[in-house]
Amino acid sequence: MTRVAVLGLLALLAGCSVSRPLEDATGAEIYSMLCANCHGDDLEGGIGPPLGPRSNSAARPDSFLETTIEHGRGRMPSFSTSLSEEQLARLIDHIREVQEG
């Protein structure tokens, strides 16, 4: 792999944060901190796929989102060590609220 490709890959992964939100963070705060860099501020997509209304994820059950967030999918990292069960539930609730408009 060329040096430029490696640097590009590292820059891409750095855009998707894996730090820990505060325990009492709202779903919107968690989304902004962990998801917006890749999925867009308004769930419109970017590096990651769109999550907003009429997106593929809007038709999926909550269990799909939960599994994807906890274990990652494709280039998306796992957030199992970054989120408590309560934070994960608040994050999914936030995504669903935005999807419903």
N, C-alpha and C. Protein backbone atom coordinates (compact mmCIF):
# COMPACT_ATOMS: atom_id res chain seq x y z
N MET A 1 0.85 -1.17 0.00
CA MET A 1 0.00 0.00 0.00
C MET A 1 0.89 1.23 0.00
N THR A 2 0.57 2.20 -0.81
CA THR A 2 1.41 3.39 -0.89
C THR A 2 1.22 4.26 0.35
N ARG A 3 2.20 5.07 0.58
CA ARG A 3 2.16 5.97 1.74
C ARG A 3 0.96 6.91 1.67
N VAL A 4 0.63 7.40 0.48
CA VAL A 4 -0.51 8.31 0.30
C VAL A 4 -1.81 7.59 0.64
N ALA A 5 -1.94 6.34 0.21
CA ALA A 5 -3.15 5.56 0.50
C ALA A 5 -3.31 5.33 2.00
N VAL A 6 -2.21 5.03 2.67
CA VAL A 6 -2.24 4.81 4.12
C VAL A 6 -2.64 6.09 4.83
N LEU A 7 -2.06 7.20 4.44
CA LEU A 7 -2.41 8.49 5.06
C LEU A 7 -3.87 8.84 4.81
N GLY A 8 -4.35 8.56 3.60
CA GLY A 8 -5.76 8.81 3.29
C GLY A 8 -6.68 7.96 4.14
N LEU A 9 -6.35 6.71 4.33
CA LEU A 9 -7.15 5.81 5.16
C LEU A 9 -7.15 6.27 6.61
N LEU A 10 -6.01 6.69 7.12
CA LEU A 10 -5.93 7.19 8.49
C LEU A 10 -6.76 8.45 8.66
N ALA A 11 -6.74 9.34 7.68
CA ALA A 11 -7.55 10.56 7.75
C ALA A 11 -9.03 10.22 7.74
N LEU A 12 -9.42 9.25 6.94
CA LEU A 12 -10.82 8.82 6.88
C LEU A 12 -11.26 8.28 8.23
N LEU A 13 -10.46 7.41 8.83
CA LEU A 13 -10.82 6.82 10.11
C LEU A 13 -10.80 7.85 11.24
N ALA A 14 -9.94 8.84 11.15
CA ALA A 14 -9.89 9.88 12.18
C ALA A 14 -11.15 10.72 12.18
N GLY A 15 -11.83 10.81 11.04
CA GLY A 15 -13.08 11.57 10.95
C GLY A 15 -14.21 10.94 11.70
N CYS A 16 -14.13 9.66 12.01
CA CYS A 16 -15.16 8.95 12.75
C CYS A 16 -14.66 8.74 14.17
N SER A 17 -15.11 9.58 15.06
CA SER A 17 -14.63 9.59 16.43
C SER A 17 -15.08 8.35 17.20
N VAL A 18 -14.25 7.88 18.12
CA VAL A 18 -14.62 6.79 18.99
C VAL A 18 -14.41 7.15 20.45
N SER A 19 -14.48 8.44 20.81
CA SER A 19 -14.35 8.83 22.20
C SER A 19 -15.67 8.58 22.93
N ARG A 20 -15.64 8.72 24.23
CA ARG A 20 -16.78 8.40 25.07
C ARG A 20 -17.58 9.65 25.43
N PRO A 21 -18.89 9.64 25.16
CA PRO A 21 -19.72 10.78 25.58
C PRO A 21 -19.99 10.73 27.09
N LEU A 22 -20.41 11.86 27.66
CA LEU A 22 -20.78 11.88 29.07
C LEU A 22 -21.94 10.92 29.29
N GLU A 23 -22.00 10.31 30.46
CA GLU A 23 -23.02 9.31 30.76
C GLU A 23 -24.44 9.85 30.58
N ASP A 24 -24.66 11.13 30.91
CA ASP A 24 -26.01 11.69 30.81
C ASP A 24 -26.25 12.46 29.51
N ALA A 25 -25.39 12.26 28.53
CA ALA A 25 -25.54 12.96 27.23
C ALA A 25 -26.86 12.57 26.58
N THR A 26 -27.47 13.53 25.92
CA THR A 26 -28.71 13.26 25.18
C THR A 26 -28.39 12.48 23.91
N GLY A 27 -29.42 11.92 23.30
CA GLY A 27 -29.23 11.23 22.04
C GLY A 27 -28.65 12.14 20.97
N ALA A 28 -29.13 13.39 20.95
CA ALA A 28 -28.62 14.36 19.97
C ALA A 28 -27.15 14.66 20.21
N GLU A 29 -26.75 14.78 21.48
CA GLU A 29 -25.35 15.04 21.81
C GLU A 29 -24.47 13.85 21.43
N ILE A 30 -24.96 12.66 21.69
CA ILE A 30 -24.21 11.45 21.33
C ILE A 30 -24.06 11.37 19.82
N TYR A 31 -25.16 11.62 19.09
CA TYR A 31 -25.10 11.59 17.63
C TYR A 31 -24.08 12.60 17.12
N SER A 32 -24.14 13.82 17.65
CA SER A 32 -23.23 14.87 17.21
C SER A 32 -21.77 14.48 17.47
N MET A 33 -21.52 13.85 18.59
CA MET A 33 -20.16 13.50 18.97
C MET A 33 -19.61 12.29 18.21
N LEU A 34 -20.45 11.27 18.03
CA LEU A 34 -19.95 10.01 17.48
C LEU A 34 -20.36 9.72 16.04
N CYS A 35 -21.43 10.31 15.57
CA CYS A 35 -22.01 9.88 14.29
C CYS A 35 -21.97 10.95 13.19
N ALA A 36 -22.12 12.21 13.58
CA ALA A 36 -22.29 13.28 12.60
C ALA A 36 -21.11 13.42 11.64
N ASN A 37 -19.89 13.13 12.11
CA ASN A 37 -18.73 13.25 11.22
C ASN A 37 -18.86 12.38 9.99
N CYS A 38 -19.48 11.22 10.14
CA CYS A 38 -19.60 10.28 9.02
C CYS A 38 -20.99 10.26 8.39
N HIS A 39 -22.03 10.47 9.20
CA HIS A 39 -23.40 10.35 8.70
C HIS A 39 -24.08 11.70 8.48
N GLY A 40 -23.38 12.80 8.73
CA GLY A 40 -23.91 14.15 8.50
C GLY A 40 -24.66 14.69 9.69
N ASP A 41 -24.64 16.00 9.83
CA ASP A 41 -25.30 16.67 10.96
C ASP A 41 -26.80 16.37 11.01
N ASP A 42 -27.43 16.27 9.85
CA ASP A 42 -28.87 16.04 9.76
C ASP A 42 -29.20 14.65 9.26
N LEU A 43 -28.29 13.70 9.46
CA LEU A 43 -28.45 12.31 9.05
C LEU A 43 -28.52 12.16 7.53
N GLU A 44 -27.96 13.14 6.80
CA GLU A 44 -28.05 13.14 5.33
C GLU A 44 -26.99 12.26 4.66
N GLY A 45 -26.05 11.76 5.44
CA GLY A 45 -25.00 10.92 4.88
C GLY A 45 -23.76 11.72 4.54
N GLY A 46 -22.72 11.02 4.24
CA GLY A 46 -21.42 11.62 3.90
C GLY A 46 -20.47 10.46 3.65
N ILE A 47 -19.50 10.28 4.54
CA ILE A 47 -18.63 9.12 4.46
C ILE A 47 -19.47 7.86 4.69
N GLY A 48 -20.37 7.95 5.66
CA GLY A 48 -21.30 6.85 5.94
C GLY A 48 -22.62 7.10 5.23
N PRO A 49 -23.47 6.08 5.15
CA PRO A 49 -24.74 6.23 4.44
C PRO A 49 -25.70 7.16 5.18
N PRO A 50 -26.70 7.69 4.47
CA PRO A 50 -27.72 8.51 5.13
C PRO A 50 -28.52 7.67 6.12
N LEU A 51 -28.98 8.32 7.19
CA LEU A 51 -29.78 7.66 8.20
C LEU A 51 -31.15 8.31 8.36
N GLY A 52 -31.40 9.39 7.64
CA GLY A 52 -32.61 10.17 7.82
C GLY A 52 -33.85 9.55 7.20
N PRO A 53 -34.91 10.37 7.11
CA PRO A 53 -36.16 9.89 6.52
C PRO A 53 -35.90 9.34 5.11
N ARG A 54 -36.62 8.32 4.75
CA ARG A 54 -36.53 7.66 3.43
C ARG A 54 -35.18 6.96 3.20
N SER A 55 -34.35 6.86 4.25
CA SER A 55 -33.10 6.12 4.11
C SER A 55 -33.36 4.63 4.33
N ASN A 56 -32.41 3.84 3.95
CA ASN A 56 -32.50 2.39 4.15
C ASN A 56 -32.67 2.06 5.64
N SER A 57 -31.98 2.79 6.50
CA SER A 57 -32.03 2.49 7.93
C SER A 57 -33.39 2.83 8.54
N ALA A 58 -34.12 3.76 7.94
CA ALA A 58 -35.44 4.12 8.48
C ALA A 58 -36.40 2.95 8.43
N ALA A 59 -36.20 2.04 7.48
CA ALA A 59 -37.09 0.88 7.34
C ALA A 59 -36.61 -0.31 8.16
N ARG A 60 -35.45 -0.21 8.75
CA ARG A 60 -34.90 -1.33 9.53
C ARG A 60 -35.40 -1.27 10.97
N PRO A 61 -35.47 -2.42 11.65
CA PRO A 61 -35.88 -2.42 13.06
C PRO A 61 -34.79 -1.84 13.95
N ASP A 62 -35.19 -1.44 15.15
CA ASP A 62 -34.23 -0.90 16.11
C ASP A 62 -33.09 -1.88 16.37
N SER A 63 -33.39 -3.17 16.37
CA SER A 63 -32.35 -4.18 16.63
C SER A 63 -31.24 -4.12 15.59
N PHE A 64 -31.57 -3.75 14.35
CA PHE A 64 -30.54 -3.60 13.31
C PHE A 64 -29.61 -2.44 13.65
N LEU A 65 -30.20 -1.31 14.04
CA LEU A 65 -29.38 -0.15 14.43
C LEU A 65 -28.53 -0.49 15.65
N GLU A 66 -29.13 -1.14 16.62
CA GLU A 66 -28.41 -1.50 17.84
C GLU A 66 -27.20 -2.38 17.52
N THR A 67 -27.41 -3.41 16.74
CA THR A 67 -26.31 -4.32 16.37
C THR A 67 -25.24 -3.59 15.58
N THR A 68 -25.66 -2.75 14.63
CA THR A 68 -24.71 -2.01 13.81
C THR A 68 -23.88 -1.06 14.64
N ILE A 69 -24.51 -0.33 15.55
CA ILE A 69 -23.78 0.63 16.39
C ILE A 69 -22.85 -0.10 17.35
N GLU A 70 -23.33 -1.17 17.94
CA GLU A 70 -22.50 -1.90 18.91
C GLU A 70 -21.32 -2.62 18.28
N HIS A 71 -21.53 -3.24 17.11
CA HIS A 71 -20.50 -4.09 16.52
C HIS A 71 -19.84 -3.53 15.27
N GLY A 72 -20.36 -2.43 14.73
CA GLY A 72 -19.81 -1.87 13.51
C GLY A 72 -20.34 -2.61 12.29
N ARG A 73 -20.07 -2.04 11.14
CA ARG A 73 -20.50 -2.65 9.87
C ARG A 73 -19.64 -2.02 8.77
N GLY A 74 -19.00 -2.84 7.97
CA GLY A 74 -18.13 -2.31 6.91
C GLY A 74 -17.03 -1.46 7.51
N ARG A 75 -16.94 -0.21 7.06
CA ARG A 75 -15.91 0.72 7.57
C ARG A 75 -16.28 1.33 8.91
N MET A 76 -17.54 1.16 9.32
CA MET A 76 -17.99 1.76 10.58
C MET A 76 -17.39 1.00 11.77
N PRO A 77 -16.80 1.75 12.72
CA PRO A 77 -16.22 1.08 13.88
C PRO A 77 -17.30 0.63 14.87
N SER A 78 -16.92 -0.23 15.78
CA SER A 78 -17.78 -0.67 16.88
C SER A 78 -17.79 0.41 17.95
N PHE A 79 -18.96 0.65 18.53
CA PHE A 79 -19.07 1.59 19.64
C PHE A 79 -19.45 0.87 20.93
N SER A 80 -19.23 -0.44 20.99
CA SER A 80 -19.63 -1.23 22.16
C SER A 80 -18.91 -0.79 23.43
N THR A 81 -17.70 -0.30 23.32
CA THR A 81 -16.97 0.15 24.51
C THR A 81 -17.15 1.64 24.77
N SER A 82 -17.84 2.33 23.87
CA SER A 82 -18.02 3.78 24.00
C SER A 82 -19.38 4.16 24.57
N LEU A 83 -20.36 3.25 24.49
CA LEU A 83 -21.73 3.58 24.87
C LEU A 83 -22.30 2.58 25.87
N SER A 84 -22.99 3.11 26.86
CA SER A 84 -23.75 2.23 27.76
C SER A 84 -25.05 1.84 27.07
N GLU A 85 -25.78 0.91 27.63
CA GLU A 85 -27.07 0.51 27.05
C GLU A 85 -28.03 1.69 27.02
N GLU A 86 -28.02 2.51 28.07
CA GLU A 86 -28.90 3.67 28.12
C GLU A 86 -28.54 4.70 27.05
N GLN A 87 -27.25 4.93 26.87
CA GLN A 87 -26.81 5.87 25.83
C GLN A 87 -27.18 5.35 24.44
N LEU A 88 -27.00 4.08 24.22
CA LEU A 88 -27.36 3.47 22.94
C LEU A 88 -28.85 3.65 22.68
N ALA A 89 -29.68 3.43 23.69
CA ALA A 89 -31.13 3.61 23.54
C ALA A 89 -31.47 5.07 23.22
N ARG A 90 -30.82 6.01 23.90
CA ARG A 90 -31.07 7.44 23.63
C ARG A 90 -30.63 7.81 22.21
N LEU A 91 -29.51 7.25 21.76
CA LEU A 91 -29.03 7.51 20.40
C LEU A 91 -30.04 7.00 19.37
N ILE A 92 -30.50 5.78 19.54
CA ILE A 92 -31.48 5.21 18.60
C ILE A 92 -32.78 6.01 18.64
N ASP A 93 -33.22 6.42 19.82
CA ASP A 93 -34.42 7.25 19.93
C ASP A 93 -34.25 8.55 19.15
N HIS A 94 -33.07 9.15 19.26
CA HIS A 94 -32.80 10.40 18.52
C HIS A 94 -32.86 10.16 17.01
N ILE A 95 -32.23 9.11 16.55
CA ILE A 95 -32.24 8.80 15.10
C ILE A 95 -33.68 8.61 14.64
N ARG A 96 -34.48 7.88 15.41
CA ARG A 96 -35.88 7.65 15.05
C ARG A 96 -36.69 8.94 15.05
N GLU A 97 -36.45 9.83 15.99
CA GLU A 97 -37.15 11.12 16.03
C GLU A 97 -36.86 11.94 14.78
N VAL A 98 -35.61 11.97 14.36
CA VAL A 98 -35.24 12.71 13.15
C VAL A 98 -35.84 12.05 11.92
N GLN A 99 -35.84 10.74 11.88
CA GLN A 99 -36.42 10.02 10.75
C GLN A 99 -37.91 10.29 10.60
N GLU A 100 -38.60 10.43 11.72
CA GLU A 100 -40.04 10.67 11.69
C GLU A 100 -40.37 12.13 11.41
N GLY A 101 -39.38 12.99 11.55
CA GLY A 101 -39.56 14.40 11.22
C GLY A 101 -40.36 15.12 12.22
